[in-house]
């Protein structure tokens, strides 16, 4: 019988793509979400790709009474991938209480429930924001780099969650933890059945790009063009969401089949830095769509430049993000056209 993996935040952007890759790899899945930042329609998108509905429970992971029922219904859970968190850097600056309450309590509840399982393996959705603003000359940034004072409550919540997991890993001998520090996920499944679907004004760059290209927005705002970078705009490591999803499968495989360490950290990125302006110009080139944009004031909490040293994930997990940026941006545009009926 296939091992069962719990996916929290199952109908979110990364969670939905990871479920597809888990099923493709032969795992049984149970998804959990409360649809606070996603749509029930995502379940239909997943089913359209894998050919069947997944087992799913509607529940708020920060509510222990609701969350515990998942384990009562599915006592055979061997591993959990935790995506259920608020994730917008800019929004977190104005809503720190909401971010800490949700992001910390949902993880604590998961650890509390998983530690009671005979096989307790947790993959944690972390972020490169834990590194803060990298020191000059420290790029690309590796897992051995020291973490710094976070530049946003979102980043702080990820740091606190990692610290909590380290303490729990020491205390509970049956618990294994893998923290995956993402850089910047973009793109959509090649089927255009699932993708990034923000509510209201997008907090991430690529949905803002595609919505502007689709005519939903008058112009794209690029926050800051006076940074210490070659073209003045921020530099990020943009990773294809399907590549990112496959890294979670590799992490689960390692925890369940190998004698891995009880607490491990991996950077997930391409290893290449791309500026905001470079990404915008690449989108224009590969789609042929006019994209009006303007430079706006800097945004609170933004880091100037960061990209990954993903050598550890490449060698230990046997994983690599190598989908070309052109292809990734086309997938995002195809998803936008599909949901807008263009």
Foldseek 3Di string as FASTA:
>chain_A
DAAEEEEEVCQAFLNVLLVLLCVVVPHAYEYEEQCPWGDPLSQVLSCVRNVHGHHYAYAQLLDLVRVLVVCVVPVRHQEYEYDFADAFFQVQQVVLVVRLSRLVSSLVSLLVNQLPHQHREYEYEAAPQQQPADDVPCPQPFPPRHGDDGQGSNNVSRVVSLVVLVVSLVVRVNAAYEYEHEWAEFFFDLVLSGHHDGDDDDSDQLVLQLCQLVVVDVAAEQAFQCFPDPRTFAKTFYFYSSLVSVLVVLVVCCSVPHPDDRYYYFYDGQSDIDGSVRLSVLLCVLPVTDGHYDYDHHGRRDHRYYGHPRVCSCPVSVGHGDDDSSVRSVRSNSSSCVVVVD
